[in-house]
């Protein structure tokens, strides 16, 4: 089993910064990629940013480009999301997501964290 544990959520003022982290643990042989999604009540979960663990290829939602930065630490099996110049519309529950291989086969599994609330408000 694999667990994803997020941290760093909370209240941040508009224009401010906040960092999120997500650590993966458990039976992990390899991590293909990790990502951050967010969800507002009543809306679909949307991709914020993703990063591959071998090549560090990153993707961002248009709404966060230039403001958010995703990074990873392979040794710590951790992904980070640095959020700068945050806006009220960034308020959401942020979920960590990972695609993981648990053995030497090509099988891959998807895992989600429990989510962490980020509220942007003055």
N, C-alpha and C. Protein backbone atom coordinates (compact mmCIF):
# COMPACT_ATOMS: atom_id res chain seq x y z
N UNK A 1 0.85 -1.19 0.00
CA UNK A 1 0.00 0.00 0.00
C UNK A 1 0.89 1.24 0.00
N UNK A 2 0.37 2.29 -0.60
CA UNK A 2 1.10 3.55 -0.70
C UNK A 2 0.27 4.65 -0.06
N UNK A 3 0.93 5.50 0.69
CA UNK A 3 0.25 6.63 1.31
C UNK A 3 0.87 7.93 0.82
N UNK A 4 0.01 8.91 0.62
CA UNK A 4 0.45 10.26 0.27
C UNK A 4 -0.03 11.19 1.38
N UNK A 5 0.89 11.89 1.97
CA UNK A 5 0.55 12.78 3.08
C UNK A 5 0.91 14.21 2.71
N UNK A 6 -0.11 15.05 2.64
CA UNK A 6 0.09 16.46 2.29
C UNK A 6 0.25 17.31 3.54
N UNK A 7 0.92 18.42 3.38
CA UNK A 7 1.03 19.40 4.46
C UNK A 7 1.24 20.77 3.86
N UNK A 8 0.93 21.79 4.67
CA UNK A 8 1.19 23.15 4.25
C UNK A 8 -0.03 24.00 3.96
N UNK A 9 -1.19 23.41 4.00
CA UNK A 9 -2.38 24.19 3.73
C UNK A 9 -2.67 25.18 4.84
N UNK A 10 -3.61 26.09 4.57
CA UNK A 10 -3.97 27.07 5.57
C UNK A 10 -4.50 28.33 4.93
N UNK A 11 -4.51 29.39 5.72
CA UNK A 11 -5.01 30.68 5.28
C UNK A 11 -3.85 31.54 4.79
N UNK A 12 -4.03 32.16 3.64
CA UNK A 12 -3.01 33.04 3.09
C UNK A 12 -3.70 34.26 2.50
N UNK A 13 -3.06 35.41 2.63
CA UNK A 13 -3.65 36.63 2.13
C UNK A 13 -3.45 36.76 0.63
N UNK A 14 -4.36 37.42 -0.05
CA UNK A 14 -4.18 37.64 -1.49
C UNK A 14 -2.84 38.31 -1.77
N UNK A 15 -2.16 37.81 -2.78
CA UNK A 15 -0.84 38.31 -3.11
C UNK A 15 0.29 37.65 -2.36
N UNK A 16 -0.07 36.84 -1.40
CA UNK A 16 0.93 36.17 -0.57
C UNK A 16 1.41 34.87 -1.17
N UNK A 17 2.19 34.14 -0.38
CA UNK A 17 2.78 32.88 -0.83
C UNK A 17 2.49 31.77 0.18
N UNK A 18 2.50 30.55 -0.35
CA UNK A 18 2.28 29.38 0.49
C UNK A 18 2.94 28.20 -0.18
N UNK A 19 3.52 27.32 0.61
CA UNK A 19 4.13 26.12 0.06
C UNK A 19 3.43 24.88 0.55
N UNK A 20 3.17 23.96 -0.35
CA UNK A 20 2.60 22.66 -0.02
C UNK A 20 3.64 21.58 -0.27
N UNK A 21 3.55 20.51 0.51
CA UNK A 21 4.41 19.37 0.26
C UNK A 21 3.59 18.10 0.37
N UNK A 22 4.06 17.06 -0.29
CA UNK A 22 3.39 15.77 -0.28
C UNK A 22 4.45 14.68 -0.29
N UNK A 23 4.45 13.87 0.75
CA UNK A 23 5.42 12.80 0.87
C UNK A 23 4.75 11.46 0.62
N UNK A 24 5.38 10.68 -0.23
CA UNK A 24 4.88 9.33 -0.53
C UNK A 24 5.64 8.31 0.32
N UNK A 25 4.91 7.33 0.82
CA UNK A 25 5.55 6.28 1.61
C UNK A 25 4.82 4.97 1.37
N UNK A 26 5.47 3.89 1.79
CA UNK A 26 4.87 2.57 1.61
C UNK A 26 5.68 1.73 0.63
N UNK A 27 5.00 0.80 -0.02
CA UNK A 27 5.67 -0.11 -0.95
C UNK A 27 5.83 0.57 -2.30
N UNK A 28 6.95 1.26 -2.46
CA UNK A 28 7.21 2.04 -3.68
C UNK A 28 8.48 1.53 -4.33
N UNK A 29 8.36 1.07 -5.56
CA UNK A 29 9.53 0.69 -6.33
C UNK A 29 9.98 1.83 -7.21
N UNK A 30 9.02 2.52 -7.81
CA UNK A 30 9.34 3.66 -8.64
C UNK A 30 8.15 4.62 -8.67
N UNK A 31 8.45 5.88 -8.84
CA UNK A 31 7.40 6.89 -9.02
C UNK A 31 7.53 7.45 -10.43
N UNK A 32 6.49 7.30 -11.21
CA UNK A 32 6.50 7.86 -12.57
C UNK A 32 6.32 9.37 -12.53
N UNK A 33 5.31 9.79 -11.80
CA UNK A 33 5.02 11.21 -11.73
C UNK A 33 4.17 11.50 -10.50
N UNK A 34 4.19 12.77 -10.12
CA UNK A 34 3.32 13.25 -9.06
C UNK A 34 2.70 14.56 -9.52
N UNK A 35 1.59 14.90 -8.90
CA UNK A 35 0.88 16.09 -9.34
C UNK A 35 0.07 16.68 -8.20
N UNK A 36 -0.36 17.90 -8.43
CA UNK A 36 -1.29 18.57 -7.53
C UNK A 36 -2.57 18.87 -8.31
N UNK A 37 -3.68 18.50 -7.70
CA UNK A 37 -4.99 18.85 -8.21
C UNK A 37 -5.67 19.72 -7.16
N UNK A 38 -6.73 20.39 -7.57
CA UNK A 38 -7.52 21.14 -6.60
C UNK A 38 -9.00 21.01 -6.94
N UNK A 39 -9.80 21.20 -5.91
CA UNK A 39 -11.24 21.06 -6.10
C UNK A 39 -11.99 22.06 -5.23
N UNK A 40 -12.96 22.69 -5.87
CA UNK A 40 -13.88 23.60 -5.19
C UNK A 40 -15.20 22.86 -5.06
N UNK A 41 -15.90 23.03 -3.94
CA UNK A 41 -17.18 22.33 -3.78
C UNK A 41 -18.10 22.56 -4.97
N UNK A 42 -18.65 21.48 -5.50
CA UNK A 42 -19.58 21.57 -6.60
C UNK A 42 -18.92 21.57 -7.96
N UNK A 43 -17.59 21.54 -7.98
CA UNK A 43 -16.88 21.54 -9.26
C UNK A 43 -15.98 20.33 -9.36
N UNK A 44 -15.58 20.04 -10.60
CA UNK A 44 -14.70 18.90 -10.83
C UNK A 44 -13.29 19.21 -10.32
N UNK A 45 -12.61 18.15 -9.94
CA UNK A 45 -11.21 18.29 -9.55
C UNK A 45 -10.41 18.64 -10.80
N UNK A 46 -9.51 19.62 -10.68
CA UNK A 46 -8.74 20.06 -11.83
C UNK A 46 -7.24 19.95 -11.56
N UNK A 47 -6.50 19.68 -12.62
CA UNK A 47 -5.05 19.59 -12.51
C UNK A 47 -4.46 20.99 -12.32
N UNK A 48 -3.59 21.11 -11.34
CA UNK A 48 -2.87 22.36 -11.11
C UNK A 48 -1.49 22.29 -11.74
N UNK A 49 -0.75 21.23 -11.42
CA UNK A 49 0.60 21.07 -11.93
C UNK A 49 1.02 19.61 -11.77
N UNK A 50 1.90 19.17 -12.66
CA UNK A 50 2.42 17.81 -12.57
C UNK A 50 3.90 17.81 -12.92
N UNK A 51 4.59 16.76 -12.44
CA UNK A 51 6.01 16.64 -12.71
C UNK A 51 6.38 15.17 -12.80
N UNK A 52 7.20 14.84 -13.78
CA UNK A 52 7.70 13.47 -13.89
C UNK A 52 8.96 13.35 -13.04
N UNK A 53 9.19 12.14 -12.51
CA UNK A 53 10.28 12.00 -11.56
C UNK A 53 11.63 11.71 -12.22
N UNK A 54 11.64 11.22 -13.44
CA UNK A 54 12.91 10.94 -14.10
C UNK A 54 13.41 12.17 -14.86
N UNK A 55 12.56 12.72 -15.71
CA UNK A 55 12.99 13.83 -16.56
C UNK A 55 12.61 15.20 -16.02
N UNK A 56 11.82 15.22 -14.94
CA UNK A 56 11.34 16.48 -14.36
C UNK A 56 10.53 17.31 -15.34
N UNK A 57 9.85 16.67 -16.24
CA UNK A 57 8.96 17.39 -17.15
C UNK A 57 7.78 17.92 -16.35
N UNK A 58 7.51 19.20 -16.51
CA UNK A 58 6.43 19.81 -15.74
C UNK A 58 5.33 20.32 -16.65
N UNK A 59 4.12 20.33 -16.12
CA UNK A 59 2.99 20.95 -16.79
C UNK A 59 2.23 21.77 -15.76
N UNK A 60 1.61 22.84 -16.23
CA UNK A 60 0.85 23.73 -15.37
C UNK A 60 -0.49 24.06 -16.00
N UNK A 61 -1.48 24.26 -15.16
CA UNK A 61 -2.73 24.82 -15.63
C UNK A 61 -2.47 26.27 -16.03
N UNK A 62 -3.16 26.73 -17.04
CA UNK A 62 -2.96 28.11 -17.49
C UNK A 62 -3.20 29.11 -16.37
N UNK A 63 -4.12 28.78 -15.48
CA UNK A 63 -4.50 29.72 -14.42
C UNK A 63 -3.40 29.93 -13.39
N UNK A 64 -2.40 29.04 -13.35
CA UNK A 64 -1.35 29.18 -12.33
C UNK A 64 0.03 29.41 -12.94
N UNK A 65 0.14 29.38 -14.24
CA UNK A 65 1.45 29.57 -14.89
C UNK A 65 2.05 30.91 -14.48
N UNK A 66 3.33 30.87 -14.14
CA UNK A 66 4.02 32.08 -13.73
C UNK A 66 3.85 32.42 -12.26
N UNK A 67 2.95 31.73 -11.58
CA UNK A 67 2.72 31.99 -10.15
C UNK A 67 3.07 30.78 -9.28
N UNK A 68 2.78 29.59 -9.76
CA UNK A 68 3.03 28.37 -9.00
C UNK A 68 4.22 27.64 -9.60
N UNK A 69 4.95 26.95 -8.72
CA UNK A 69 6.09 26.15 -9.16
C UNK A 69 6.03 24.78 -8.50
N UNK A 70 6.08 23.74 -9.31
CA UNK A 70 6.11 22.38 -8.79
C UNK A 70 7.54 21.85 -8.85
N UNK A 71 7.93 21.11 -7.84
CA UNK A 71 9.26 20.52 -7.83
C UNK A 71 9.19 19.20 -7.08
N UNK A 72 10.27 18.41 -7.17
CA UNK A 72 10.24 17.13 -6.48
C UNK A 72 11.63 16.79 -5.95
N UNK A 73 11.62 15.93 -4.94
CA UNK A 73 12.85 15.41 -4.35
C UNK A 73 12.74 13.90 -4.46
N UNK A 74 13.49 13.33 -5.38
CA UNK A 74 13.38 11.88 -5.62
C UNK A 74 13.73 11.07 -4.38
N UNK A 75 14.78 11.45 -3.71
CA UNK A 75 15.24 10.68 -2.55
C UNK A 75 14.21 10.68 -1.44
N UNK A 76 13.52 11.79 -1.28
CA UNK A 76 12.51 11.89 -0.23
C UNK A 76 11.13 11.47 -0.72
N UNK A 77 11.02 11.15 -2.01
CA UNK A 77 9.72 10.77 -2.59
C UNK A 77 8.68 11.84 -2.26
N UNK A 78 9.06 13.08 -2.47
CA UNK A 78 8.23 14.20 -2.08
C UNK A 78 8.07 15.17 -3.24
N UNK A 79 6.88 15.71 -3.37
CA UNK A 79 6.60 16.75 -4.35
C UNK A 79 6.17 18.00 -3.61
N UNK A 80 6.54 19.13 -4.18
CA UNK A 80 6.26 20.42 -3.56
C UNK A 80 5.47 21.30 -4.53
N UNK A 81 4.71 22.20 -3.98
CA UNK A 81 4.03 23.20 -4.79
C UNK A 81 4.22 24.55 -4.09
N UNK A 82 4.99 25.41 -4.73
CA UNK A 82 5.18 26.76 -4.22
C UNK A 82 4.18 27.67 -4.92
N UNK A 83 3.32 28.28 -4.12
CA UNK A 83 2.28 29.13 -4.66
C UNK A 83 2.61 30.59 -4.32
N UNK A 84 2.82 31.39 -5.33
CA UNK A 84 3.10 32.81 -5.14
C UNK A 84 1.98 33.64 -5.76
N UNK A 85 1.88 34.88 -5.33
CA UNK A 85 0.87 35.80 -5.86
C UNK A 85 -0.51 35.15 -5.89
N UNK A 86 -0.87 34.55 -4.79
CA UNK A 86 -2.13 33.80 -4.76
C UNK A 86 -3.31 34.75 -4.87
N UNK A 87 -4.41 34.20 -5.39
CA UNK A 87 -5.63 34.95 -5.61
C UNK A 87 -6.77 34.25 -4.88
N UNK A 88 -7.85 34.97 -4.60
CA UNK A 88 -9.00 34.31 -3.94
C UNK A 88 -9.49 33.10 -4.72
N UNK A 89 -9.39 33.14 -6.03
CA UNK A 89 -9.84 32.00 -6.84
C UNK A 89 -8.94 30.78 -6.73
N UNK A 90 -7.82 30.91 -6.04
CA UNK A 90 -6.98 29.74 -5.76
C UNK A 90 -7.48 28.96 -4.54
N UNK A 91 -8.48 29.50 -3.86
CA UNK A 91 -9.05 28.81 -2.71
C UNK A 91 -9.66 27.48 -3.14
N UNK A 92 -9.22 26.41 -2.50
CA UNK A 92 -9.68 25.07 -2.86
C UNK A 92 -9.05 24.06 -1.91
N UNK A 93 -9.51 22.83 -2.02
CA UNK A 93 -8.80 21.72 -1.39
C UNK A 93 -7.79 21.21 -2.41
N UNK A 94 -6.54 21.14 -2.01
CA UNK A 94 -5.47 20.70 -2.89
C UNK A 94 -5.13 19.25 -2.58
N UNK A 95 -5.13 18.44 -3.64
CA UNK A 95 -4.88 17.01 -3.51
C UNK A 95 -3.57 16.63 -4.20
N UNK A 96 -2.83 15.78 -3.55
CA UNK A 96 -1.63 15.22 -4.14
C UNK A 96 -2.01 13.92 -4.87
N UNK A 97 -1.34 13.66 -5.97
CA UNK A 97 -1.63 12.50 -6.82
C UNK A 97 -0.32 11.90 -7.27
N UNK A 98 -0.26 10.59 -7.32
CA UNK A 98 0.97 9.93 -7.75
C UNK A 98 0.66 8.71 -8.60
N UNK A 99 1.52 8.46 -9.55
CA UNK A 99 1.48 7.22 -10.34
C UNK A 99 2.72 6.43 -9.94
N UNK A 100 2.48 5.26 -9.37
CA UNK A 100 3.54 4.53 -8.69
C UNK A 100 3.62 3.10 -9.18
N UNK A 101 4.84 2.61 -9.28
CA UNK A 101 5.05 1.18 -9.49
C UNK A 101 5.50 0.58 -8.17
N UNK A 102 4.88 -0.53 -7.79
CA UNK A 102 5.18 -1.12 -6.49
C UNK A 102 6.10 -2.33 -6.58
N UNK A 103 6.46 -2.72 -7.80
CA UNK A 103 7.41 -3.82 -7.98
C UNK A 103 8.11 -3.64 -9.32
N UNK A 104 8.88 -4.67 -9.74
CA UNK A 104 9.68 -4.53 -10.96
C UNK A 104 8.86 -4.72 -12.23
N UNK A 105 7.59 -5.00 -12.10
CA UNK A 105 6.76 -5.14 -13.29
C UNK A 105 6.41 -3.77 -13.85
N UNK A 106 5.71 -3.77 -14.95
CA UNK A 106 5.32 -2.50 -15.56
C UNK A 106 3.98 -1.99 -15.01
N UNK A 107 3.44 -2.69 -14.04
CA UNK A 107 2.16 -2.27 -13.47
C UNK A 107 2.31 -0.93 -12.75
N UNK A 108 1.33 -0.09 -12.93
CA UNK A 108 1.33 1.21 -12.28
C UNK A 108 -0.01 1.43 -11.60
N UNK A 109 0.04 2.14 -10.51
CA UNK A 109 -1.16 2.39 -9.72
C UNK A 109 -1.25 3.87 -9.39
N UNK A 110 -2.48 4.33 -9.26
CA UNK A 110 -2.73 5.73 -8.95
C UNK A 110 -3.15 5.87 -7.49
N UNK A 111 -2.61 6.90 -6.87
CA UNK A 111 -2.93 7.15 -5.47
C UNK A 111 -3.24 8.63 -5.27
N UNK A 112 -4.10 8.88 -4.29
CA UNK A 112 -4.49 10.25 -3.93
C UNK A 112 -4.18 10.49 -2.46
N UNK A 113 -3.82 11.73 -2.16
CA UNK A 113 -3.72 12.14 -0.77
C UNK A 113 -5.09 12.51 -0.24
N UNK A 114 -5.12 12.87 1.03
CA UNK A 114 -6.39 13.16 1.69
C UNK A 114 -6.86 14.59 1.43
N UNK A 115 -5.98 15.42 0.92
CA UNK A 115 -6.34 16.80 0.60
C UNK A 115 -5.97 17.76 1.72
N UNK A 116 -5.64 18.98 1.33
CA UNK A 116 -5.33 20.02 2.30
C UNK A 116 -5.98 21.32 1.83
N UNK A 117 -6.66 21.99 2.73
CA UNK A 117 -7.40 23.20 2.38
C UNK A 117 -6.46 24.40 2.28
N UNK A 118 -6.60 25.13 1.20
CA UNK A 118 -5.91 26.41 1.04
C UNK A 118 -6.98 27.48 0.87
N UNK A 119 -6.97 28.47 1.72
CA UNK A 119 -7.94 29.55 1.66
C UNK A 119 -7.21 30.87 1.47
N UNK A 120 -7.56 31.56 0.40
CA UNK A 120 -6.95 32.86 0.12
C UNK A 120 -7.97 33.93 0.45
N UNK A 121 -7.67 34.68 1.49
CA UNK A 121 -8.61 35.68 1.97
C UNK A 121 -7.90 36.69 2.84
N UNK A 122 -8.39 37.91 2.81
CA UNK A 122 -7.84 38.95 3.68
C UNK A 122 -8.63 39.02 4.98
